[in-house]
Amino acid sequence: MLNGTGAHEVIIEAPQHTWQMADGPPEGIEHVLLAYQRRLTDLYRDARLRYVVIFRNYGAQAGASLRHPHSQLIAVPITPKRIKDKLSVARSYYRRKERCIFCDIISQERALGDRIVLDT
């Protein structure tokens, strides 16, 4: 059994109810990303926490409960099994090929071009 150590935070992205990150000005997006970075940096300093995830629900059907555009951050003292498994596969791939699996996936996606929305 685990204790209640962890965090669950709401990050308000903008004071306007209609603001959307995808349509926002670059400086608005930058503010949100900097807030993520600050929160991640702070939480990873806590040695008790092993895994932090940031997510967004958009619309009531997806579970959004606040009218302001927002993200949520959850930090827990364990690494979920699914994440451990993905990291294990990535390590194994690196040992076999001496290359990063995520870098190879990005290269493959760029070469195919089917799912690229914007490449900067």
N, C-alpha and C. Protein backbone atom coordinates (compact mmCIF):
# COMPACT_ATOMS: atom_id res chain seq x y z
N MET A 1 0.84 -1.17 0.00
CA MET A 1 0.00 0.00 0.00
C MET A 1 0.89 1.24 0.00
N LEU A 2 0.48 2.24 -0.77
CA LEU A 2 1.23 3.48 -0.86
C LEU A 2 0.61 4.54 0.03
N ASN A 3 1.45 5.46 0.47
CA ASN A 3 0.91 6.60 1.22
C ASN A 3 0.36 7.63 0.24
N GLY A 4 -0.11 8.73 0.75
CA GLY A 4 -0.74 9.75 -0.10
C GLY A 4 0.22 10.77 -0.67
N THR A 5 1.50 10.46 -0.72
CA THR A 5 2.48 11.41 -1.26
C THR A 5 2.24 11.63 -2.75
N GLY A 6 2.29 12.88 -3.15
CA GLY A 6 2.13 13.20 -4.56
C GLY A 6 1.58 14.60 -4.73
N ALA A 7 1.19 14.90 -5.93
CA ALA A 7 0.63 16.21 -6.24
C ALA A 7 -0.39 16.07 -7.34
N HIS A 8 -1.40 16.91 -7.28
CA HIS A 8 -2.38 17.04 -8.36
C HIS A 8 -2.66 18.53 -8.48
N GLU A 9 -2.22 19.12 -9.58
CA GLU A 9 -2.30 20.56 -9.75
C GLU A 9 -3.08 20.90 -11.01
N VAL A 10 -3.74 22.04 -10.98
CA VAL A 10 -4.42 22.59 -12.14
C VAL A 10 -3.63 23.81 -12.60
N ILE A 11 -3.29 23.85 -13.87
CA ILE A 11 -2.54 24.97 -14.44
C ILE A 11 -3.49 25.73 -15.35
N ILE A 12 -3.92 26.91 -14.91
CA ILE A 12 -4.79 27.75 -15.72
C ILE A 12 -3.93 28.37 -16.82
N GLU A 13 -4.33 28.16 -18.05
CA GLU A 13 -3.50 28.57 -19.19
C GLU A 13 -3.76 30.01 -19.64
N ALA A 14 -4.93 30.52 -19.37
CA ALA A 14 -5.26 31.89 -19.79
C ALA A 14 -6.49 32.37 -19.03
N PRO A 15 -6.61 33.68 -18.83
CA PRO A 15 -7.79 34.19 -18.13
C PRO A 15 -9.04 34.19 -19.01
N GLN A 16 -8.88 34.12 -20.33
CA GLN A 16 -10.03 34.12 -21.23
C GLN A 16 -10.60 32.71 -21.34
N HIS A 17 -11.93 32.62 -21.29
CA HIS A 17 -12.59 31.32 -21.38
C HIS A 17 -12.42 30.67 -22.75
N THR A 18 -12.25 31.46 -23.77
CA THR A 18 -12.23 30.92 -25.14
C THR A 18 -10.83 30.67 -25.68
N TRP A 19 -9.78 30.99 -24.90
CA TRP A 19 -8.41 30.84 -25.39
C TRP A 19 -8.08 29.37 -25.62
N GLN A 20 -7.44 29.08 -26.74
CA GLN A 20 -6.98 27.73 -27.03
C GLN A 20 -5.51 27.78 -27.39
N MET A 21 -4.75 26.87 -26.84
CA MET A 21 -3.31 26.86 -27.09
C MET A 21 -3.00 26.80 -28.58
N ALA A 22 -3.73 26.00 -29.31
CA ALA A 22 -3.46 25.83 -30.74
C ALA A 22 -3.65 27.12 -31.52
N ASP A 23 -4.51 28.00 -31.03
CA ASP A 23 -4.79 29.26 -31.72
C ASP A 23 -4.13 30.46 -31.05
N GLY A 24 -3.48 30.23 -29.93
CA GLY A 24 -2.94 31.33 -29.15
C GLY A 24 -1.70 31.94 -29.77
N PRO A 25 -1.37 33.15 -29.36
CA PRO A 25 -0.14 33.77 -29.85
C PRO A 25 1.07 33.05 -29.26
N PRO A 26 2.20 33.10 -29.93
CA PRO A 26 3.39 32.39 -29.45
C PRO A 26 3.75 32.72 -28.00
N GLU A 27 3.61 33.98 -27.58
CA GLU A 27 3.97 34.32 -26.20
C GLU A 27 3.01 33.67 -25.20
N GLY A 28 1.76 33.48 -25.56
CA GLY A 28 0.82 32.78 -24.67
C GLY A 28 1.20 31.32 -24.52
N ILE A 29 1.56 30.70 -25.63
CA ILE A 29 1.99 29.30 -25.60
C ILE A 29 3.28 29.19 -24.79
N GLU A 30 4.18 30.14 -24.99
CA GLU A 30 5.44 30.14 -24.24
C GLU A 30 5.19 30.21 -22.74
N HIS A 31 4.25 31.04 -22.31
CA HIS A 31 3.93 31.15 -20.88
C HIS A 31 3.45 29.81 -20.31
N VAL A 32 2.62 29.13 -21.07
CA VAL A 32 2.11 27.83 -20.62
C VAL A 32 3.26 26.83 -20.52
N LEU A 33 4.09 26.76 -21.55
CA LEU A 33 5.21 25.81 -21.54
C LEU A 33 6.21 26.12 -20.43
N LEU A 34 6.44 27.39 -20.16
CA LEU A 34 7.33 27.77 -19.06
C LEU A 34 6.72 27.37 -17.71
N ALA A 35 5.42 27.50 -17.58
CA ALA A 35 4.75 27.06 -16.34
C ALA A 35 4.94 25.56 -16.17
N TYR A 36 4.76 24.79 -17.25
CA TYR A 36 5.00 23.34 -17.18
C TYR A 36 6.43 23.07 -16.72
N GLN A 37 7.38 23.74 -17.35
CA GLN A 37 8.79 23.52 -17.03
C GLN A 37 9.08 23.81 -15.57
N ARG A 38 8.56 24.93 -15.07
CA ARG A 38 8.80 25.29 -13.67
C ARG A 38 8.21 24.26 -12.71
N ARG A 39 7.00 23.81 -13.01
CA ARG A 39 6.36 22.83 -12.13
C ARG A 39 7.09 21.49 -12.18
N LEU A 40 7.48 21.05 -13.37
CA LEU A 40 8.23 19.79 -13.49
C LEU A 40 9.55 19.87 -12.75
N THR A 41 10.28 20.96 -12.94
CA THR A 41 11.57 21.14 -12.26
C THR A 41 11.40 21.09 -10.76
N ASP A 42 10.41 21.78 -10.25
CA ASP A 42 10.16 21.81 -8.81
C ASP A 42 9.79 20.42 -8.28
N LEU A 43 8.89 19.75 -8.96
CA LEU A 43 8.42 18.45 -8.46
C LEU A 43 9.50 17.38 -8.56
N TYR A 44 10.33 17.42 -9.59
CA TYR A 44 11.39 16.42 -9.70
C TYR A 44 12.49 16.60 -8.66
N ARG A 45 12.50 17.74 -7.98
CA ARG A 45 13.44 17.92 -6.86
C ARG A 45 13.02 17.11 -5.64
N ASP A 46 11.78 16.72 -5.59
CA ASP A 46 11.27 15.92 -4.47
C ASP A 46 11.62 14.46 -4.73
N ALA A 47 12.56 13.92 -3.98
CA ALA A 47 13.06 12.56 -4.19
C ALA A 47 11.98 11.50 -4.02
N ARG A 48 10.89 11.84 -3.37
CA ARG A 48 9.81 10.86 -3.17
C ARG A 48 9.01 10.62 -4.45
N LEU A 49 9.05 11.56 -5.36
CA LEU A 49 8.23 11.47 -6.57
C LEU A 49 9.01 10.82 -7.70
N ARG A 50 8.37 9.89 -8.40
CA ARG A 50 9.04 9.13 -9.45
C ARG A 50 8.49 9.42 -10.84
N TYR A 51 7.25 9.89 -10.93
CA TYR A 51 6.62 10.06 -12.23
C TYR A 51 5.71 11.28 -12.20
N VAL A 52 5.85 12.12 -13.21
CA VAL A 52 5.00 13.31 -13.34
C VAL A 52 4.43 13.32 -14.75
N VAL A 53 3.15 13.59 -14.86
CA VAL A 53 2.50 13.68 -16.17
C VAL A 53 1.64 14.94 -16.21
N ILE A 54 1.65 15.59 -17.37
CA ILE A 54 0.79 16.75 -17.61
C ILE A 54 -0.19 16.34 -18.71
N PHE A 55 -1.46 16.67 -18.50
CA PHE A 55 -2.47 16.31 -19.49
C PHE A 55 -3.54 17.39 -19.57
N ARG A 56 -4.29 17.36 -20.66
CA ARG A 56 -5.40 18.28 -20.88
C ARG A 56 -6.64 17.48 -21.23
N ASN A 57 -7.76 17.88 -20.67
CA ASN A 57 -9.06 17.40 -21.10
C ASN A 57 -9.71 18.57 -21.83
N TYR A 58 -10.26 18.32 -22.98
CA TYR A 58 -10.91 19.39 -23.73
C TYR A 58 -12.38 19.06 -23.88
N GLY A 59 -13.21 19.88 -23.27
CA GLY A 59 -14.65 19.70 -23.37
C GLY A 59 -15.19 18.78 -22.30
N ALA A 60 -16.48 18.94 -22.03
CA ALA A 60 -17.14 18.16 -20.97
C ALA A 60 -17.09 16.66 -21.24
N GLN A 61 -17.23 16.26 -22.49
CA GLN A 61 -17.21 14.83 -22.81
C GLN A 61 -15.88 14.18 -22.49
N ALA A 62 -14.81 14.96 -22.52
CA ALA A 62 -13.48 14.44 -22.19
C ALA A 62 -13.18 14.55 -20.71
N GLY A 63 -14.08 15.15 -19.95
CA GLY A 63 -13.88 15.26 -18.51
C GLY A 63 -13.49 16.63 -18.02
N ALA A 64 -13.41 17.62 -18.90
CA ALA A 64 -13.06 18.97 -18.46
C ALA A 64 -14.15 19.51 -17.55
N SER A 65 -13.74 20.03 -16.40
CA SER A 65 -14.71 20.50 -15.42
C SER A 65 -14.61 22.00 -15.16
N LEU A 66 -13.62 22.67 -15.72
CA LEU A 66 -13.44 24.11 -15.55
C LEU A 66 -13.66 24.81 -16.89
N ARG A 67 -14.21 26.01 -16.84
CA ARG A 67 -14.44 26.75 -18.08
C ARG A 67 -13.16 27.36 -18.63
N HIS A 68 -12.23 27.72 -17.76
CA HIS A 68 -10.98 28.29 -18.23
C HIS A 68 -10.13 27.20 -18.88
N PRO A 69 -9.42 27.54 -19.95
CA PRO A 69 -8.51 26.54 -20.53
C PRO A 69 -7.44 26.19 -19.49
N HIS A 70 -7.26 24.91 -19.30
CA HIS A 70 -6.34 24.47 -18.25
C HIS A 70 -5.75 23.11 -18.56
N SER A 71 -4.65 22.83 -17.90
CA SER A 71 -4.01 21.52 -17.93
C SER A 71 -3.98 21.02 -16.50
N GLN A 72 -3.73 19.74 -16.36
CA GLN A 72 -3.56 19.17 -15.03
C GLN A 72 -2.21 18.46 -14.97
N LEU A 73 -1.66 18.44 -13.79
CA LEU A 73 -0.37 17.81 -13.55
C LEU A 73 -0.57 16.85 -12.38
N ILE A 74 -0.09 15.64 -12.55
CA ILE A 74 -0.15 14.65 -11.48
C ILE A 74 1.26 14.12 -11.27
N ALA A 75 1.69 14.08 -10.00
CA ALA A 75 3.00 13.54 -9.63
C ALA A 75 2.78 12.45 -8.60
N VAL A 76 3.39 11.30 -8.82
CA VAL A 76 3.18 10.15 -7.93
C VAL A 76 4.52 9.51 -7.54
N PRO A 77 4.53 8.75 -6.44
CA PRO A 77 5.78 8.16 -5.96
C PRO A 77 6.18 6.85 -6.65
N ILE A 78 5.47 6.47 -7.69
CA ILE A 78 5.81 5.24 -8.42
C ILE A 78 5.84 5.54 -9.92
N THR A 79 6.54 4.71 -10.67
CA THR A 79 6.48 4.79 -12.12
C THR A 79 5.49 3.73 -12.58
N PRO A 80 4.44 4.11 -13.31
CA PRO A 80 3.45 3.13 -13.77
C PRO A 80 4.09 2.02 -14.60
N LYS A 81 3.54 0.82 -14.49
CA LYS A 81 4.07 -0.34 -15.20
C LYS A 81 4.16 -0.08 -16.71
N ARG A 82 3.16 0.52 -17.27
CA ARG A 82 3.15 0.79 -18.71
C ARG A 82 4.34 1.67 -19.11
N ILE A 83 4.66 2.65 -18.29
CA ILE A 83 5.80 3.54 -18.57
C ILE A 83 7.11 2.77 -18.39
N LYS A 84 7.20 1.96 -17.33
CA LYS A 84 8.40 1.13 -17.13
C LYS A 84 8.64 0.22 -18.33
N ASP A 85 7.56 -0.38 -18.84
CA ASP A 85 7.68 -1.27 -19.99
C ASP A 85 8.19 -0.52 -21.22
N LYS A 86 7.66 0.68 -21.47
CA LYS A 86 8.11 1.48 -22.62
C LYS A 86 9.59 1.86 -22.47
N LEU A 87 9.99 2.23 -21.27
CA LEU A 87 11.40 2.57 -21.04
C LEU A 87 12.30 1.36 -21.22
N SER A 88 11.82 0.19 -20.81
CA SER A 88 12.58 -1.04 -20.97
C SER A 88 12.80 -1.35 -22.46
N VAL A 89 11.75 -1.19 -23.25
CA VAL A 89 11.86 -1.40 -24.70
C VAL A 89 12.85 -0.40 -25.30
N ALA A 90 12.79 0.84 -24.86
CA ALA A 90 13.71 1.87 -25.37
C ALA A 90 15.16 1.54 -25.02
N ARG A 91 15.39 1.08 -23.80
CA ARG A 91 16.76 0.69 -23.39
C ARG A 91 17.26 -0.49 -24.22
N SER A 92 16.40 -1.48 -24.41
CA SER A 92 16.77 -2.65 -25.19
C SER A 92 17.10 -2.26 -26.63
N TYR A 93 16.30 -1.40 -27.21
CA TYR A 93 16.53 -0.91 -28.57
C TYR A 93 17.89 -0.22 -28.65
N TYR A 94 18.18 0.61 -27.67
CA TYR A 94 19.45 1.34 -27.66
C TYR A 94 20.63 0.37 -27.55
N ARG A 95 20.51 -0.64 -26.70
CA ARG A 95 21.59 -1.62 -26.55
C ARG A 95 21.83 -2.37 -27.86
N ARG A 96 20.76 -2.71 -28.57
CA ARG A 96 20.89 -3.45 -29.82
C ARG A 96 21.41 -2.59 -30.97
N LYS A 97 20.91 -1.37 -31.07
CA LYS A 97 21.20 -0.55 -32.25
C LYS A 97 22.11 0.64 -31.99
N GLU A 98 22.37 0.92 -30.70
CA GLU A 98 23.16 2.09 -30.31
C GLU A 98 22.56 3.38 -30.87
N ARG A 99 21.23 3.41 -30.89
CA ARG A 99 20.48 4.58 -31.33
C ARG A 99 19.24 4.72 -30.45
N CYS A 100 18.76 5.94 -30.37
CA CYS A 100 17.56 6.24 -29.59
C CYS A 100 16.31 5.88 -30.40
N ILE A 101 15.44 5.07 -29.83
CA ILE A 101 14.22 4.66 -30.52
C ILE A 101 13.32 5.86 -30.84
N PHE A 102 13.25 6.81 -29.92
CA PHE A 102 12.38 7.97 -30.13
C PHE A 102 12.91 8.85 -31.26
N CYS A 103 14.22 8.99 -31.35
CA CYS A 103 14.82 9.74 -32.46
C CYS A 103 14.54 9.05 -33.78
N ASP A 104 14.63 7.72 -33.79
CA ASP A 104 14.36 6.96 -35.02
C ASP A 104 12.89 7.09 -35.43
N ILE A 105 11.99 7.08 -34.45
CA ILE A 105 10.56 7.25 -34.75
C ILE A 105 10.31 8.62 -35.37
N ILE A 106 10.92 9.65 -34.79
CA ILE A 106 10.76 11.01 -35.33
C ILE A 106 11.30 11.08 -36.75
N SER A 107 12.47 10.49 -36.99
CA SER A 107 13.05 10.49 -38.34
C SER A 107 12.14 9.79 -39.33
N GLN A 108 11.58 8.67 -38.91
CA GLN A 108 10.68 7.91 -39.79
C GLN A 108 9.42 8.72 -40.08
N GLU A 109 8.86 9.34 -39.07
CA GLU A 109 7.64 10.15 -39.27
C GLU A 109 7.92 11.33 -40.19
N ARG A 110 9.06 11.98 -40.03
CA ARG A 110 9.40 13.10 -40.91
C ARG A 110 9.56 12.62 -42.35
N ALA A 111 10.18 11.47 -42.52
CA ALA A 111 10.37 10.93 -43.87
C ALA A 111 9.04 10.60 -44.53
N LEU A 112 8.11 10.03 -43.77
CA LEU A 112 6.80 9.69 -44.32
C LEU A 112 5.95 10.94 -44.56
N GLY A 113 6.01 11.88 -43.62
CA GLY A 113 5.29 13.14 -43.77
C GLY A 113 3.79 13.08 -43.59
N ASP A 114 3.23 11.91 -43.32
CA ASP A 114 1.77 11.78 -43.22
C ASP A 114 1.17 12.45 -41.99
N ARG A 115 1.88 12.42 -40.87
CA ARG A 115 1.30 12.93 -39.62
C ARG A 115 1.97 14.19 -39.11
N ILE A 116 2.73 14.84 -39.95
CA ILE A 116 3.41 16.07 -39.54
C ILE A 116 2.46 17.25 -39.73
N VAL A 117 2.18 17.95 -38.65
CA VAL A 117 1.34 19.15 -38.72
C VAL A 117 2.22 20.36 -38.96
N LEU A 118 3.31 20.46 -38.20
CA LEU A 118 4.24 21.58 -38.35
C LEU A 118 5.62 21.10 -37.93
N ASP A 119 6.61 21.38 -38.73
CA ASP A 119 7.99 20.99 -38.43
C ASP A 119 8.83 22.25 -38.40
N THR A 120 9.31 22.61 -37.21
CA THR A 120 10.08 23.85 -37.09
C THR A 120 11.54 23.57 -36.82
